[in-house]
Protein backbone atom coordinates (compact mmCIF):
# COMPACT_ATOMS: atom_id res chain seq x y z
CA MET A 1 -0.13 -0.03 -0.07
CA ALA A 2 1.59 3.46 -1.15
CA LEU A 3 0.60 6.40 1.14
CA VAL A 4 2.16 9.66 2.42
CA TRP A 5 3.26 10.09 6.02
CA GLU A 6 4.12 13.30 7.38
CA GLY A 7 4.58 14.63 4.00
CA LYS A 8 6.92 11.80 2.27
CA PRO A 9 5.75 9.18 0.31
CA ARG A 10 5.87 5.73 1.97
CA LEU A 11 5.17 2.07 0.85
CA ILE A 12 3.83 -0.23 3.37
CA HIS A 13 3.52 -4.19 2.70
CA LEU A 14 0.25 -5.41 4.35
CA PRO A 15 -0.49 -9.27 4.95
CA ALA A 16 -3.25 -10.48 2.43
CA ALA A 17 -5.56 -10.90 5.27
CA LEU A 18 -5.53 -7.22 5.90
CA ALA A 19 -5.37 -5.93 2.28
CA GLU A 20 -9.13 -6.09 1.79
CA GLU A 21 -9.88 -4.35 5.08
CA ALA A 22 -7.56 -1.42 4.07
CA ARG A 23 -9.10 -1.12 0.62
CA ARG A 24 -12.47 -0.87 2.10
CA ARG A 25 -11.28 1.91 4.46
CA VAL A 26 -9.44 3.94 1.67
CA GLN A 27 -12.77 3.57 -0.35
CA LEU A 28 -14.73 5.00 2.52
CA HIS A 29 -12.26 7.72 3.34
CA GLY A 30 -12.61 8.77 -0.66
CA ARG A 31 -16.59 8.83 -0.29
CA PHE A 32 -16.13 10.86 3.02
CA GLN A 33 -13.88 13.34 1.26
CA GLU A 34 -16.59 13.65 -1.96
CA LEU A 35 -19.36 14.24 0.54
CA GLU A 36 -17.27 17.00 2.67
CA ALA A 37 -16.65 18.59 -0.53
CA ARG A 38 -20.30 18.76 -1.60
CA ILE A 39 -21.20 20.23 1.96
CA LEU A 40 -18.59 22.85 1.54
CA GLN A 41 -19.98 23.90 -1.50
CA ILE A 42 -23.49 23.98 -0.36
CA ASN A 43 -22.31 26.06 2.60
CA LEU A 44 -20.46 28.40 0.37
CA ARG A 45 -23.35 29.09 -1.96
CA ARG A 46 -25.62 29.75 1.07
CA LEU A 47 -23.19 32.25 2.36
CA LEU A 48 -22.69 33.95 -0.89
CA ARG A 49 -26.40 34.08 -1.26
CA LYS A 50 -27.00 35.27 2.09
CA LYS A 51 -24.43 38.24 1.41
CA GLN A 52 -26.35 39.04 -1.94
CA VAL A 53 -29.47 39.73 0.26
CA LEU A 54 -27.97 41.77 2.62
CA ARG A 55 -26.19 43.76 0.07
CA SER A 56 -29.30 44.36 -1.74
CA GLN A 57 -31.23 45.12 1.62
CA ASP A 58 -28.55 47.95 2.44
CA GLY A 59 -28.97 49.25 -1.05
CA ALA A 60 -32.66 49.88 -0.63
CA LEU A 61 -32.84 51.84 2.23
C-alpha cells in the first residue's frame, strides 16, 4: 500500500488478510472526502446568497 506520511511517500506491505480491510477503509475515506466537498460547496453557496441579500437590503435603504 502506498501512502503519504508526514509529507513523505511511503510504501507499506500488508498481509493479504488485511489488504481487503485496508481497501475498504480507503474507499470509505474517499467517499467521505467527496461528501465533505459537496457540503462545503453548499455552505459556500448559502453564504454568498446571504451576502447578496444583505447587500441588496442595504442598497434599498
